[in-house]
C-alpha atoms as a PDB file:
ATOM      1  CA  MET A   1      -6.732  12.271   2.966  1.00  0.00           C
ATOM      2  CA  ASP A   2      -4.906  15.811   1.911  1.00  0.00           C
ATOM      3  CA  GLU A   3      -1.191  16.836   3.036  1.00  0.00           C
ATOM      4  CA  GLY A   4      -2.503  18.843   5.128  1.00  0.00           C
ATOM      5  CA  THR A   5      -4.623  17.048   7.006  1.00  0.00           C
ATOM      6  CA  GLU A   6      -2.256  13.917   6.865  1.00  0.00           C
ATOM      7  CA  ALA A   7       0.362  16.140   8.340  1.00  0.00           C
ATOM      8  CA  VAL A   8      -1.355  17.427  11.586  1.00  0.00           C
ATOM      9  CA  SER A   9      -3.009  13.589  11.907  1.00  0.00           C
ATOM     10  CA  ILE A  10       0.651  12.182  12.396  1.00  0.00           C
ATOM     11  CA  GLN A  11       1.635  15.057  14.442  1.00  0.00           C
ATOM     12  CA  ALA A  12      -1.596  14.434  16.523  1.00  0.00           C
ATOM     13  CA  GLN A  13      -0.129  10.798  16.721  1.00  0.00           C
ATOM     14  CA  CYS A  14       3.213  11.536  17.529  1.00  0.00           C
ATOM     15  CA  GLU A  15       2.058  13.870  20.591  1.00  0.00           C
ATOM     16  CA  LYS A  16      -0.261  11.367  22.032  1.00  0.00           C
ATOM     17  CA  LEU A  17       2.832   8.664  22.009  1.00  0.00           C
ATOM     18  CA  ALA A  18       5.297  10.935  23.822  1.00  0.00           C
ATOM     19  CA  GLU A  19       2.882  11.536  26.252  1.00  0.00           C
ATOM     20  CA  ILE A  20       2.830   7.602  27.075  1.00  0.00           C
ATOM     21  CA  ASP A  21       4.232   6.245  30.231  1.00  0.00           C
ATOM     22  CA  GLY A  22       5.870   3.275  30.608  1.00  0.00           C
ATOM     23  CA  ALA A  23       9.383   1.382  28.871  1.00  0.00           C
ATOM     24  CA  LEU A  24       9.435  -0.031  25.551  1.00  0.00           C
ATOM     25  CA  ARG A  25       9.116  -3.483  26.120  1.00  0.00           C
ATOM     26  CA  VAL A  26       9.058  -5.206  22.321  1.00  0.00           C
ATOM     27  CA  ALA A  27      10.210  -3.752  19.017  1.00  0.00           C
ATOM     28  CA  ALA A  28       8.864  -6.136  15.946  1.00  0.00           C
ATOM     29  CA  TYR A  29       9.338  -5.801  12.099  1.00  0.00           C
ATOM     30  CA  PHE A  30       6.060  -6.568   9.800  1.00  0.00           C
ATOM     31  CA  PHE A  31       7.646  -7.815   6.822  1.00  0.00           C
ATOM     32  CA  ASP A  32       6.009  -9.656   3.337  1.00  0.00           C
ATOM     33  CA  PRO A  33       7.726 -13.200   3.046  1.00  0.00           C
ATOM     34  CA  GLU A  34       8.462 -12.511  -0.635  1.00  0.00           C
ATOM     35  CA  ALA A  35      10.597  -9.744   0.797  1.00  0.00           C
ATOM     36  CA  PRO A  36      11.736 -10.970   3.837  1.00  0.00           C
ATOM     37  CA  LYS A  37      14.292  -7.894   3.829  1.00  0.00           C
ATOM     38  CA  GLU A  38      11.927  -5.204   3.538  1.00  0.00           C
ATOM     39  CA  ILE A  39      10.382  -3.662   6.620  1.00  0.00           C
ATOM     40  CA  THR A  40       6.731  -2.535   6.053  1.00  0.00           C
ATOM     41  CA  GLY A  41       5.792  -1.942   9.461  1.00  0.00           C
ATOM     42  CA  ILE A  42       7.230  -1.799  12.778  1.00  0.00           C
ATOM     43  CA  ARG A  43       5.845  -2.521  16.107  1.00  0.00           C
ATOM     44  CA  LEU A  44       6.535  -0.796  19.096  1.00  0.00           C
ATOM     45  CA  MET A  45       5.126  -2.173  22.278  1.00  0.00           C
ATOM     46  CA  PHE A  46       5.273  -0.291  25.865  1.00  0.00           C
ATOM     47  CA  GLU A  47       4.140  -0.957  28.799  1.00  0.00           C
ATOM     48  CA  GLN A  48       1.176   1.271  28.282  1.00  0.00           C
ATOM     49  CA  GLY A  49       0.676   1.072  24.622  1.00  0.00           C
ATOM     50  CA  ASP A  50       1.208  -0.488  21.314  1.00  0.00           C
ATOM     51  CA  TRP A  51       2.052   1.628  18.380  1.00  0.00           C
ATOM     52  CA  THR A  52       2.590   0.633  14.985  1.00  0.00           C
ATOM     53  CA  VAL A  53       4.897   2.812  11.983  1.00  0.00           C
ATOM     54  CA  SER A  54       3.816   2.126   8.764  1.00  0.00           C
ATOM     55  CA  VAL A  55       4.874   3.085   5.188  1.00  0.00           C
ATOM     56  CA  ASP A  56       2.008   4.855   2.589  1.00  0.00           C
ATOM     57  CA  PRO A  57       3.217   2.852  -0.505  1.00  0.00           C
ATOM     58  CA  ASP A  58       1.622   6.079  -2.672  1.00  0.00           C
ATOM     59  CA  ASP A  59       4.331   8.751  -1.503  1.00  0.00           C
ATOM     60  CA  ASP A  60       6.297   7.161   0.850  1.00  0.00           C
ATOM     61  CA  SER A  61       5.098   9.338   3.677  1.00  0.00           C
ATOM     62  CA  VAL A  62       5.056   7.410   7.301  1.00  0.00           C
ATOM     63  CA  LEU A  63       2.221   6.606   8.886  1.00  0.00           C
ATOM     64  CA  LEU A  64       2.024   6.126  12.543  1.00  0.00           C
ATOM     65  CA  TYR A  65      -1.169   4.388  14.793  1.00  0.00           C
ATOM     66  CA  GLU A  66      -2.224   2.385  17.278  1.00  0.00           C
ATOM     67  CA  THR A  67      -1.072  -1.441  16.592  1.00  0.00           C
ATOM     68  CA  THR A  68      -4.911  -2.942  15.399  1.00  0.00           C
ATOM     69  CA  ASP A  69      -5.604  -6.668  14.080  1.00  0.00           C
ATOM     70  CA  THR A  70      -5.375  -5.923  10.876  1.00  0.00           C
ATOM     71  CA  ASP A  71      -1.490  -5.626  10.689  1.00  0.00           C
ATOM     72  CA  PHE A  72      -1.408  -9.118  11.743  1.00  0.00           C
ATOM     73  CA  THR A  73      -3.122 -10.163   8.713  1.00  0.00           C
ATOM     74  CA  LYS A  74      -1.610  -7.589   5.837  1.00  0.00           C
ATOM     75  CA  TRP A  75       1.581  -8.947   7.673  1.00  0.00           C
ATOM     76  CA  LYS A  76       4.303 -11.637   9.130  1.00  0.00           C
ATOM     77  CA  VAL A  77       5.593 -10.493  12.531  1.00  0.00           C
ATOM     78  CA  ALA A  78       9.338 -11.011  13.701  1.00  0.00           C
ATOM     79  CA  ASP A  79      10.813 -10.064  16.725  1.00  0.00           C
ATOM     80  CA  ALA A  80      13.415  -7.040  16.304  1.00  0.00           C
ATOM     81  CA  SER A  81      13.942  -6.171  20.159  1.00  0.00           C
ATOM     82  CA  THR A  82      17.658  -7.584  20.133  1.00  0.00           C
ATOM     83  CA  TYR A  83      18.711  -6.203  16.809  1.00  0.00           C
ATOM     84  CA  PHE A  84      20.500  -3.083  17.029  1.00  0.00           C
ATOM     85  CA  PRO A  85      19.182  -0.255  17.476  1.00  0.00           C
ATOM     86  CA  TRP A  86      16.484  -1.708  19.582  1.00  0.00           C
ATOM     87  CA  ALA A  87      18.443  -3.561  21.578  1.00  0.00           C
ATOM     88  CA  ALA A  88      19.729  -0.131  23.076  1.00  0.00           C
ATOM     89  CA  ALA A  89      16.190   0.882  23.267  1.00  0.00           C
ATOM     90  CA  VAL A  90      14.123  -1.474  24.640  1.00  0.00           C
ATOM     91  CA  GLY A  91      13.615  -0.458  28.818  1.00  0.00           C
ATOM     92  CA  LYS A  92      13.901   3.158  27.917  1.00  0.00           C
ATOM     93  CA  ASN A  93      10.581   5.499  27.581  1.00  0.00           C
ATOM     94  CA  ILE A  94      10.102   8.066  24.925  1.00  0.00           C
ATOM     95  CA  ARG A  95      11.255  11.713  25.594  1.00  0.00           C
ATOM     96  CA  TRP A  96      10.513  13.168  22.026  1.00  0.00           C
ATOM     97  CA  VAL A  97       8.973  12.155  18.791  1.00  0.00           C
ATOM     98  CA  TRP A  98       9.840  14.246  15.719  1.00  0.00           C
ATOM     99  CA  THR A  99       8.304  14.000  11.794  1.00  0.00           C
ATOM    100  CA  LEU A 100      11.117  14.866   9.460  1.00  0.00           C
ATOM    101  CA  GLU A 101       9.439  16.336   6.144  1.00  0.00           C
ATOM    102  CA  ASN A 102      11.344  16.434   2.924  1.00  0.00           C
ATOM    103  CA  GLN A 103      11.680  18.810   0.111  1.00  0.00           C
ATOM    104  CA  ASN A 104       8.172  18.307  -1.317  1.00  0.00           C
ATOM    105  CA  GLY A 105       6.650  18.361   2.016  1.00  0.00           C
ATOM    106  CA  TYR A 106       5.565  14.945   3.149  1.00  0.00           C
ATOM    107  CA  VAL A 107       6.311  13.192   6.417  1.00  0.00           C
ATOM    108  CA  ASP A 108       8.444  10.449   5.365  1.00  0.00           C
ATOM    109  CA  GLY A 109      10.353  10.467   8.628  1.00  0.00           C
ATOM    110  CA  LEU A 110      10.301   9.715  12.548  1.00  0.00           C
ATOM    111  CA  GLN A 111      12.828  10.137  14.757  1.00  0.00           C
ATOM    112  CA  PHE A 112      12.366   8.719  18.513  1.00  0.00           C
ATOM    113  CA  GLU A 113      14.432   9.400  21.508  1.00  0.00           C
ATOM    114  CA  LEU A 114      14.107   7.256  24.251  1.00  0.00           C
ATOM    115  CA  PHE A 115      15.802   7.430  27.598  1.00  0.00           C
ATOM    116  CA  ASP A 116      16.124   5.508  31.030  1.00  0.00           C
ATOM    117  CA  ARG A 117      14.874   7.082  33.795  1.00  0.00           C
ATOM    118  CA  ALA A 118      17.077   5.067  36.481  1.00  0.00           C
ATOM    119  CA  ARG A 119      20.376   4.981  34.906  1.00  0.00           C
ATOM    120  CA  GLY A 120      20.378   7.293  32.288  1.00  0.00           C
ATOM    121  CA  GLY A 121      21.352   7.155  28.823  1.00  0.00           C
ATOM    122  CA  VAL A 122      19.641   8.170  25.130  1.00  0.00           C
ATOM    123  CA  VAL A 123      18.658   6.176  22.308  1.00  0.00           C
ATOM    124  CA  SER A 124      17.835   7.997  19.156  1.00  0.00           C
ATOM    125  CA  ILE A 125      16.891   6.002  15.962  1.00  0.00           C
ATOM    126  CA  GLN A 126      15.252   7.308  13.264  1.00  0.00           C
ATOM    127  CA  VAL A 127      12.672   5.413  10.794  1.00  0.00           C
ATOM    128  CA  VAL A 128      12.399   6.735   7.402  1.00  0.00           C
ATOM    129  CA  GLY A 129      10.046   5.675   4.130  1.00  0.00           C
ATOM    130  CA  VAL A 130      12.051   4.892   1.386  1.00  0.00           C
ATOM    131  CA  ASN A 131      10.542   2.767  -2.162  1.00  0.00           C
ATOM    132  CA  SER A 132       7.523   1.549   0.245  1.00  0.00           C
ATOM    133  CA  ARG A 133       9.917   0.408   2.835  1.00  0.00           C
ATOM    134  CA  LEU A 134      10.924   1.693   6.283  1.00  0.00           C
ATOM    135  CA  ASP A 135      14.697   2.162   6.789  1.00  0.00           C
ATOM    136  CA  VAL A 136      15.774   1.812  10.360  1.00  0.00           C
ATOM    137  CA  ARG A 137      18.857   4.651  11.086  1.00  0.00           C
ATOM    138  CA  ALA A 138      20.988   5.201  14.461  1.00  0.00           C
ATOM    139  CA  VAL A 139      20.993   8.710  15.241  1.00  0.00           C
ATOM    140  CA  LEU A 140      24.435   8.657  16.853  1.00  0.00           C
ATOM    141  CA  PRO A 141      25.898  12.034  18.975  1.00  0.00           C
ATOM    142  CA  VAL A 142      29.222  13.743  17.528  1.00  0.00           C
ATOM    143  CA  GLU A 143      31.353  15.586  19.934  1.00  0.00           C
ATOM    144  CA  THR A 144      32.030  19.134  19.753  1.00  0.00           C
ATOM    145  CA  PRO A 145      35.755  19.539  19.623  1.00  0.00           C
ATOM    146  CA  PHE A 146      37.346  21.943  21.970  1.00  0.00           C
ATOM    147  CA  LEU A 147      37.123  25.527  20.165  1.00  0.00           C
ATOM    148  CA  ARG A 148      39.309  27.947  20.269  1.00  0.00           C
ATOM    149  CA  ALA A 149      39.913  31.358  18.071  1.00  0.00           C
ATOM    150  CA  PRO A 150      42.491  31.580  15.912  1.00  0.00           C
END
């Protein structure tokens, strides 16, 4: 698949994910038992869909697709729903999904914004492909100080 086709494909998947209705129920990490601290995929189980984020080992670009049985034959899986930042995201709905493109034009990250419809509150999480693994990052808001002219 060429870069242009891949970018369209992941963008279409992001749009499809953002359209689902239902809260995140479970976040899980796929991993290779030989390297248990390296995340090879992230399973996001919503009330209305089951998605996987993984990394292409050839170029470290991030892939997003609906979870398949093949994912369970390639990797081991561990529940990450109680780990930071996923614990804050469980029970929240997808509001936005962004693709993150590096300086070489590869989509090597995704950013999710999840929100609580009933009580309010927002959680933003980045997933970035680095050296054939995924790194998870919490995106925290920075308060703008009260500004005044000198």
